[in-house]
Structures are given as structure tokens and as C-alpha cells.
Amino acid sequence: MADGRSETGSPARRRWWRPTLTTLCGLLLLGPAALAAVRVLGLDDGTVLALPMAGLQYAALLTLLLTAALAVLRRRWLAGLAAVLVGLQLWWLVPRFVPDGTEVPAGAPRLRVATSNAYMGNISPTALVDLVRSQRLDALAVEELSGSAADALDAAGIRELLPHRELPDGTDTAIYTRLPVTAAADPAWPTTNVTITVDGRPVQLVAVHTYYPLGDARKWAAGMHALRDAVPGRNHNAVLLGDFNATLDHAPMRSLLATGLADTHDELGAGLFPTWPEHNLDLPYLPPMLQIDHVLHGPALLPVSIEEHTLARTDHRAVVAELAVRDS
């Protein structure tokens, strides 16, 4: 050729990577798009799709990166579609970073509660009792609590701090409380519960531990639905706390919140702070990635603060929340 270039060295041949990267970006975009469809349609309710749904926030990050890549590649129509998907994902996720700004009356009595998964009874009893003491807890829900772990908590001094407890036979979920129990457990709730009084105002505490969707998605959804079905007529002064094995994107969790309950993390702009896995003995190098431990409450309570705490020998971060109890 006159310019000395071979056909294989032409600009068109040298740009082979552009359509290849476009195709790769398009294929990667199918995942977040499918996940968005699952969320819109609620297809994760009782299905294996509950597992990928837990990572929706990470799919949003991937979509954002793909949008930027497609813009650089000048694939405008595909970049536009990706941008629309980013907008949908941000519509779901951004409000979780923004506090609701709820004003708490200065004179409203406070209730400090916490939830901790004991990791099949392996949790350090001293660490958990130290948490109760340092955080001045009024009530504590413990999941995966074995009989030996309960005895170890007694030996570590939990009775001196939280002398009242509810641990029904045949369950692994307990409630410890500093405040006396003023009413028997309500059998309508499918899990451990007690009623206490905070400055004359009754509050019903419900400890939650649903099955995990990786083990049986239908059983997990059934447990969530049982909670949802028990809420009507009981949500006003209720506090549901524990290991829900669900994020705020899962359809069963959204259905539960639709009954009038509120998620304290979400209200305080901490809706994406992860609680699992923490120091997982099976996956020791995996950082916390998912928020599956929650404190939900009814309209008789208002959010004040929420924090996550790392405890020895458990794969969940403990969640400590302070709630204000207002007049009914």
C-alpha cells in the first residue's frame, strides 16, 4: 500500500477492542438489570433469588461503573439505558443514607435495646455481658443461644444486669431485660416475646430469628410471613429485633415494613451499614457485607441512635439501638 501500512494495521483493525468491551459491558449489565426486575416484581419471596437479592447495593455499584465505561466507549444508547438503571437503584438506596430527621421529644423516656446472634452458642459470654454493661442496656435479644451458652452468660454475670428473661423451651432465641415483664408472652407472635413497661408505657419486645434463605428459601419466607401476619393490631408499641436474615431489599422484609413498622437503621441514615459476616470462622477474610440484623419498631417509638458492635466468637455484629417511647 502507498502509505506502507498493511491491512491488518488499519485503524479499524486496531479498534477491535471497542466492540468487544461494549459486548462485555452489555453482558455484565444483564445481571443488575435482572436483579432490578426481581426486586420490582418481588420474585425473591420464597425462591433462590433471595440469595442474589442480598447483594443489590453491590449490583448498583457495578451498574455505575458500567455506565461510566459505556460513556467512555461512546455507546450512548447503551450508556443511557444503564443510567436509567442507576437512577432506579439510587432511588432505592440513597434514602438509606439520609436520616429522616424525626424530632424526639426531650422528655420522652428512653429504651436501650440490643440484638446479638450467639453463633450456635459460641459467642464470648464475657464480651456480651460487657456490651450489656457498657451500653447500659434495658433489654437484649440473643439468637442461636444454646443451653450451655445461657449458663455461661449467667456465670459471666448477666443476671445482675438483666435479671428477667424469656427463653421458651424448644427455641434458641431469648430476651433478657432489666425491666420487669408485665405481661405473659403473646401467643400470636411466632417467636419469643415479652411485654415490659417504660415509665408507665407498655412496650412489646419480639426477638426474631428467621431461617436462612440459603438453607431453605421457602422456610425463610414463611417465617417472615408469620411475623407480618402477627403484626396487625400489635405493631403500635412493638419492637422487633434480631437476625432477620433479610436486607431491606428482600420482598418479605418490605412486606413486613409495610405493616407500619420502621427500620431504625434506615430512619437514621445507616441503612447500608453491614452486620454480617463478622469474624466468620469459615470465611475469616470476608469483611461484613450485608445488613441482616435489624431493630424494627412501631409508631409509639421513635429512633434516637443505632450502632454496630463487634463481639468475640460470633459471625454477626451486635446492634444497639436507643428508642424514645412517646405517649400512646
Protein backbone atom coordinates (compact mmCIF):
# COMPACT_ATOMS: atom_id res chain seq x y z
CA MET A 1 0.00 0.00 0.00
CA ALA A 2 1.13 3.58 -0.69
CA ASP A 3 1.37 4.59 2.98
CA GLY A 4 3.26 1.46 3.93
CA ARG A 5 0.60 0.12 6.28
CA SER A 6 -0.77 -3.39 5.98
CA GLU A 7 -4.47 -4.02 6.07
CA THR A 8 -4.14 -5.60 9.49
CA GLY A 9 -2.64 -2.39 10.80
CA SER A 10 -5.59 -0.24 9.74
CA PRO A 11 -7.33 1.91 12.34
CA ALA A 12 -10.45 -0.25 12.05
CA ARG A 13 -8.49 -3.37 12.91
CA ARG A 14 -6.66 -1.65 15.72
CA ARG A 15 -10.04 -0.71 17.29
CA TRP A 16 -11.28 -4.27 17.60
CA TRP A 17 -11.32 -3.87 21.36
CA ARG A 18 -14.10 -1.27 21.29
CA PRO A 19 -16.95 -3.59 20.19
CA THR A 20 -15.52 -6.37 22.37
CA LEU A 21 -15.63 -4.19 25.50
CA THR A 22 -19.09 -2.96 24.56
CA THR A 23 -20.33 -6.53 24.33
CA LEU A 24 -18.71 -7.39 27.67
CA CYS A 25 -20.29 -4.36 29.36
CA GLY A 26 -23.67 -5.24 27.89
CA LEU A 27 -23.45 -8.80 29.18
CA LEU A 28 -22.39 -7.64 32.66
CA LEU A 29 -25.29 -5.20 32.69
CA LEU A 30 -27.76 -8.07 32.36
CA GLY A 31 -27.09 -9.14 35.95
CA PRO A 32 -28.05 -5.86 37.67
CA ALA A 33 -30.97 -5.43 35.26
CA ALA A 34 -32.30 -8.89 36.13
CA LEU A 35 -31.85 -8.17 39.84
CA ALA A 36 -33.79 -4.91 39.49
CA ALA A 37 -36.62 -6.83 37.82
CA VAL A 38 -36.61 -9.37 40.65
CA ARG A 39 -36.94 -6.57 43.20
CA VAL A 40 -39.73 -4.78 41.33
CA LEU A 41 -41.71 -8.00 40.90
CA GLY A 42 -40.86 -9.48 44.33
CA LEU A 43 -39.62 -12.70 42.76
CA ASP A 44 -37.22 -13.39 45.63
CA ASP A 45 -40.09 -14.20 48.02
CA GLY A 46 -39.50 -17.83 48.91
CA THR A 47 -37.17 -18.57 45.98
CA VAL A 48 -33.45 -18.99 45.43
CA LEU A 49 -33.45 -15.46 44.02
CA ALA A 50 -33.34 -14.28 47.64
CA LEU A 51 -29.61 -15.01 47.62
CA PRO A 52 -28.52 -12.62 44.83
CA MET A 53 -31.08 -10.06 46.03
CA ALA A 54 -28.99 -9.62 49.18
CA GLY A 55 -26.28 -8.01 47.06
CA LEU A 56 -28.42 -5.38 45.36
CA GLN A 57 -26.27 -2.49 46.64
CA TYR A 58 -23.18 -4.05 45.07
CA ALA A 59 -25.05 -4.52 41.80
CA ALA A 60 -25.76 -0.79 41.89
CA LEU A 61 -22.04 -0.07 42.18
CA LEU A 62 -21.35 -2.36 39.23
CA THR A 63 -24.02 -0.60 37.17
CA LEU A 64 -22.46 2.77 37.92
CA LEU A 65 -19.05 1.55 36.75
CA LEU A 66 -20.55 0.04 33.59
CA THR A 67 -22.36 3.30 32.83
CA ALA A 68 -19.07 5.20 33.01
CA ALA A 69 -17.33 2.61 30.84
CA LEU A 70 -20.03 2.76 28.17
CA ALA A 71 -19.89 6.54 28.18
CA VAL A 72 -16.12 6.39 27.54
CA LEU A 73 -16.75 3.88 24.74
CA ARG A 74 -19.30 6.33 23.29
CA ARG A 75 -22.07 3.75 23.25
CA ARG A 76 -24.67 6.37 24.04
CA TRP A 77 -27.84 4.34 23.77
CA LEU A 78 -26.49 1.54 25.99
CA ALA A 79 -25.00 4.06 28.40
CA GLY A 80 -28.40 5.76 28.56
CA LEU A 81 -30.12 2.50 29.45
CA ALA A 82 -27.52 1.84 32.13
CA ALA A 83 -28.02 5.35 33.50
CA VAL A 84 -31.76 4.71 33.82
CA LEU A 85 -30.98 1.55 35.78
CA VAL A 86 -28.58 3.51 38.01
CA GLY A 87 -31.34 6.02 38.68
CA LEU A 88 -33.73 3.25 39.73
CA GLN A 89 -31.15 1.71 42.05
CA LEU A 90 -30.29 5.07 43.60
CA TRP A 91 -33.99 5.70 44.20
CA TRP A 92 -33.99 2.58 46.37
CA LEU A 93 -30.63 3.05 48.08
CA VAL A 94 -29.93 6.76 48.58
CA PRO A 95 -32.74 7.32 51.16
CA ARG A 96 -30.95 4.86 53.43
CA PHE A 97 -28.05 7.31 53.72
CA VAL A 98 -30.34 10.19 54.64
CA PRO A 99 -31.72 10.49 58.21
CA ASP A 100 -35.46 11.04 58.41
CA GLY A 101 -34.92 13.97 60.77
CA THR A 102 -37.54 12.78 63.24
CA GLU A 103 -37.64 15.06 66.28
CA VAL A 104 -37.61 13.26 69.60
CA PRO A 105 -39.42 15.00 72.48
CA ALA A 106 -36.88 15.96 75.13
CA GLY A 107 -38.87 14.41 77.97
CA ALA A 108 -39.66 11.10 76.25
CA PRO A 109 -38.36 8.10 78.21
CA ARG A 110 -35.62 6.12 76.52
CA LEU A 111 -35.30 2.39 75.92
CA ARG A 112 -31.91 0.90 75.05
CA VAL A 113 -32.08 -2.48 73.31
CA ALA A 114 -29.66 -4.76 71.52
CA THR A 115 -29.62 -7.91 69.45
CA SER A 116 -26.76 -10.39 69.12
CA ASN A 117 -26.50 -13.70 67.30
CA ALA A 118 -24.59 -16.13 69.53
CA TYR A 119 -23.27 -18.16 66.57
CA MET A 120 -24.60 -21.53 67.75
CA GLY A 121 -23.66 -20.69 71.32
CA ASN A 122 -20.01 -19.92 70.55
CA ILE A 123 -20.13 -16.22 71.42
CA SER A 124 -17.87 -14.97 74.18
CA PRO A 125 -20.18 -14.60 77.22
CA THR A 126 -17.82 -12.08 78.78
CA ALA A 127 -17.91 -9.91 75.64
CA LEU A 128 -21.70 -9.97 75.54
CA VAL A 129 -22.07 -9.14 79.23
CA ASP A 130 -19.53 -6.34 78.83
CA LEU A 131 -21.66 -4.96 76.00
CA VAL A 132 -24.74 -5.00 78.23
CA ARG A 133 -22.85 -3.17 80.95
CA SER A 134 -21.06 -0.59 78.80
CA GLN A 135 -24.12 0.23 76.72
CA ARG A 136 -26.45 0.36 79.75
CA LEU A 137 -28.94 -1.91 78.03
CA ASP A 138 -32.51 -2.27 79.17
CA ALA A 139 -33.15 -5.34 77.02
CA LEU A 140 -31.20 -7.82 74.93
CA ALA A 141 -32.34 -10.35 72.31
CA VAL A 142 -29.99 -13.29 71.71
CA GLU A 143 -30.32 -15.69 68.79
CA GLU A 144 -28.75 -19.14 68.37
CA LEU A 145 -28.45 -19.37 72.15
CA SER A 146 -27.69 -22.88 73.37
CA GLY A 147 -28.34 -24.10 76.90
CA SER A 148 -24.63 -24.13 77.69
CA ALA A 149 -24.26 -20.59 76.31
CA ALA A 150 -27.14 -19.42 78.52
CA ASP A 151 -25.40 -20.97 81.54
CA ALA A 152 -22.15 -19.25 80.54
CA LEU A 153 -23.95 -15.89 80.38
CA ASP A 154 -25.27 -16.48 83.88
CA ALA A 155 -21.77 -17.28 85.09
CA ALA A 156 -20.48 -14.09 83.42
CA GLY A 157 -22.99 -12.02 85.40
CA ILE A 158 -25.84 -11.25 83.05
CA ARG A 159 -28.44 -11.87 85.76
CA GLU A 160 -27.09 -8.98 87.80
CA LEU A 161 -27.60 -6.61 84.87
CA LEU A 162 -30.69 -8.09 83.17
CA PRO A 163 -32.43 -10.22 85.80
CA HIS A 164 -35.58 -11.04 83.84
CA ARG A 165 -35.63 -13.39 80.87
CA GLU A 166 -37.84 -15.25 78.43
CA LEU A 167 -36.39 -18.40 76.87
CA PRO A 168 -39.17 -20.77 75.84
CA ASP A 169 -38.42 -24.48 75.65
CA GLY A 170 -37.51 -25.67 72.20
CA THR A 171 -36.28 -22.30 70.97
CA ASP A 172 -32.84 -20.78 70.50
CA THR A 173 -33.99 -17.19 70.93
CA ALA A 174 -34.07 -15.40 74.29
CA ILE A 175 -34.94 -11.99 75.64
CA TYR A 176 -33.12 -10.61 78.70
CA THR A 177 -34.44 -7.44 80.31
CA ARG A 178 -33.64 -5.11 83.18
CA LEU A 179 -37.28 -4.05 83.38
CA PRO A 180 -39.82 -6.45 84.85
CA VAL A 181 -42.03 -8.39 82.49
CA THR A 182 -45.55 -7.06 82.94
CA ALA A 183 -47.50 -9.41 80.65
CA ALA A 184 -47.25 -13.00 79.54
CA ALA A 185 -45.94 -13.80 76.10
CA ASP A 186 -48.47 -13.15 73.34
CA PRO A 187 -49.00 -16.50 71.55
CA ALA A 188 -49.93 -14.66 68.35
CA TRP A 189 -46.26 -13.82 67.79
CA PRO A 190 -44.44 -16.78 66.22
CA THR A 191 -41.32 -16.21 68.30
CA THR A 192 -40.07 -15.24 71.77
CA ASN A 193 -41.73 -12.08 73.12
CA VAL A 194 -42.39 -10.20 76.36
CA THR A 195 -44.13 -7.01 77.41
CA ILE A 196 -42.30 -4.52 79.61
CA THR A 197 -43.20 -1.07 80.89
CA VAL A 198 -41.07 2.02 80.28
CA ASP A 199 -42.15 4.85 82.60
CA GLY A 200 -45.69 3.54 82.59
CA ARG A 201 -45.78 2.93 78.84
CA PRO A 202 -46.07 -0.71 77.68
CA VAL A 203 -43.61 -1.95 75.05
CA GLN A 204 -43.74 -5.38 73.48
CA LEU A 205 -40.34 -6.88 72.65
CA VAL A 206 -40.21 -9.58 69.97
CA ALA A 207 -36.96 -11.47 69.37
CA VAL A 208 -36.57 -12.56 65.75
CA HIS A 209 -34.52 -15.33 64.21
CA THR A 210 -35.75 -16.46 60.81
CA TYR A 211 -34.34 -19.38 58.87
CA TYR A 212 -31.61 -18.50 56.39
CA PRO A 213 -32.59 -18.45 52.69
CA LEU A 214 -29.51 -20.40 51.63
CA GLY A 215 -30.76 -23.34 53.67
CA ASP A 216 -34.43 -23.19 52.63
CA ALA A 217 -35.82 -20.08 50.94
CA ARG A 218 -39.41 -21.19 51.41
CA LYS A 219 -38.94 -21.75 55.14
CA TRP A 220 -37.24 -18.35 55.42
CA ALA A 221 -40.12 -16.62 53.64
CA ALA A 222 -42.68 -18.50 55.74
CA GLY A 223 -41.02 -17.22 58.92
CA MET A 224 -41.08 -13.67 57.63
CA HIS A 225 -44.72 -14.00 56.59
CA ALA A 226 -45.64 -15.34 60.04
CA LEU A 227 -44.20 -12.18 61.58
CA ARG A 228 -46.05 -10.00 59.08
CA ASP A 229 -49.33 -11.76 59.75
CA ALA A 230 -48.94 -11.30 63.51
CA VAL A 231 -48.30 -7.55 63.28
CA PRO A 232 -51.83 -6.16 62.64
CA GLY A 233 -53.19 -4.82 65.93
CA ARG A 234 -49.83 -5.32 67.65
CA ASN A 235 -47.45 -3.02 65.84
CA HIS A 236 -48.15 0.21 67.73
CA ASN A 237 -45.82 -0.37 70.69
CA ALA A 238 -43.83 -3.31 69.31
CA VAL A 239 -40.07 -3.64 68.91
CA LEU A 240 -38.94 -6.49 66.68
CA LEU A 241 -35.21 -7.10 66.92
CA GLY A 242 -32.90 -9.87 65.88
CA ASP A 243 -31.40 -11.76 62.97
CA PHE A 244 -33.93 -11.49 60.14
CA ASN A 245 -31.59 -12.99 57.54
CA ALA A 246 -33.01 -10.35 55.21
CA THR A 247 -31.96 -6.97 53.88
CA LEU A 248 -34.29 -4.05 53.24
CA ASP A 249 -34.43 -5.09 49.58
CA HIS A 250 -35.95 -8.53 50.19
CA ALA A 251 -39.65 -8.72 49.37
CA PRO A 252 -40.65 -10.39 52.68
CA MET A 253 -38.88 -7.66 54.66
CA ARG A 254 -40.54 -4.93 52.63
CA SER A 255 -43.87 -6.65 53.21
CA LEU A 256 -43.20 -6.69 56.96
CA LEU A 257 -42.30 -3.00 56.99
CA ALA A 258 -45.45 -2.20 55.03
CA THR A 259 -47.49 -3.15 58.12
CA GLY A 260 -46.44 0.13 59.75
CA LEU A 261 -43.13 -0.88 61.31
CA ALA A 262 -40.00 1.21 60.74
CA ASP A 263 -36.37 0.11 60.49
CA THR A 264 -34.15 2.09 62.87
CA HIS A 265 -31.06 1.82 60.67
CA ASP A 266 -33.00 3.21 57.73
CA GLU A 267 -34.54 6.07 59.71
CA LEU A 268 -31.16 7.23 60.99
CA GLY A 269 -29.37 7.12 57.64
CA ALA A 270 -27.48 3.91 58.45
CA GLY A 271 -29.46 1.63 56.17
CA LEU A 272 -26.44 0.09 54.47
CA PHE A 273 -24.16 -0.48 57.47
CA PRO A 274 -23.32 -4.22 57.34
CA THR A 275 -23.80 -6.60 60.25
CA TRP A 276 -22.70 -9.93 58.68
CA PRO A 277 -20.35 -11.76 58.37
CA GLU A 278 -18.10 -10.61 61.20
CA HIS A 279 -15.16 -12.85 62.18
CA ASN A 280 -16.74 -15.79 60.38
CA LEU A 281 -14.69 -18.83 61.31
CA ASP A 282 -15.47 -20.47 57.96
CA LEU A 283 -14.62 -17.35 55.91
CA PRO A 284 -12.17 -15.44 58.14
CA TYR A 285 -11.08 -12.93 55.49
CA LEU A 286 -14.52 -11.93 54.26
CA PRO A 287 -15.47 -8.45 55.59
CA PRO A 288 -19.00 -7.62 56.76
CA MET A 289 -21.10 -7.10 53.65
CA LEU A 290 -24.81 -7.38 54.44
CA GLN A 291 -27.19 -5.77 56.90
CA ILE A 292 -29.41 -8.61 58.07
CA ASP A 293 -29.70 -7.76 61.79
CA HIS A 294 -32.39 -5.15 62.45
CA VAL A 295 -34.33 -3.24 65.09
CA LEU A 296 -37.87 -2.52 63.88
CA HIS A 297 -40.41 -0.53 65.87
CA GLY A 298 -43.98 0.67 65.79
CA PRO A 299 -45.26 4.27 65.79
CA ALA A 300 -45.29 4.51 69.60
CA LEU A 301 -41.48 4.63 69.50
CA LEU A 302 -39.02 7.00 67.84
CA PRO A 303 -35.39 6.35 66.78
CA VAL A 304 -32.61 8.05 68.72
CA SER A 305 -29.40 6.17 67.84
CA ILE A 306 -28.10 2.91 66.45
CA GLU A 307 -24.65 1.32 66.41
CA GLU A 308 -22.96 -1.95 65.45
CA HIS A 309 -20.50 -3.66 67.79
CA THR A 310 -18.02 -6.45 67.13
CA LEU A 311 -18.02 -9.23 69.72
CA ALA A 312 -15.64 -12.17 70.02
CA ARG A 313 -16.54 -15.58 68.60
CA THR A 314 -19.66 -14.67 66.65
CA ASP A 315 -20.22 -14.03 62.94
CA HIS A 316 -22.74 -11.20 63.47
CA ARG A 317 -22.18 -7.68 64.70
CA ALA A 318 -24.36 -6.84 67.67
CA VAL A 319 -26.79 -3.98 67.02
CA VAL A 320 -27.50 -1.49 69.82
CA ALA A 321 -30.40 0.92 69.42
CA GLU A 322 -31.86 3.64 71.60
CA LEU A 323 -35.54 4.35 71.17
CA ALA A 324 -37.76 7.01 72.68
CA VAL A 325 -41.17 5.94 73.90
CA ARG A 326 -43.86 8.52 73.38
CA ASP A 327 -47.36 8.76 74.77
CA SER A 328 -49.81 6.46 73.04
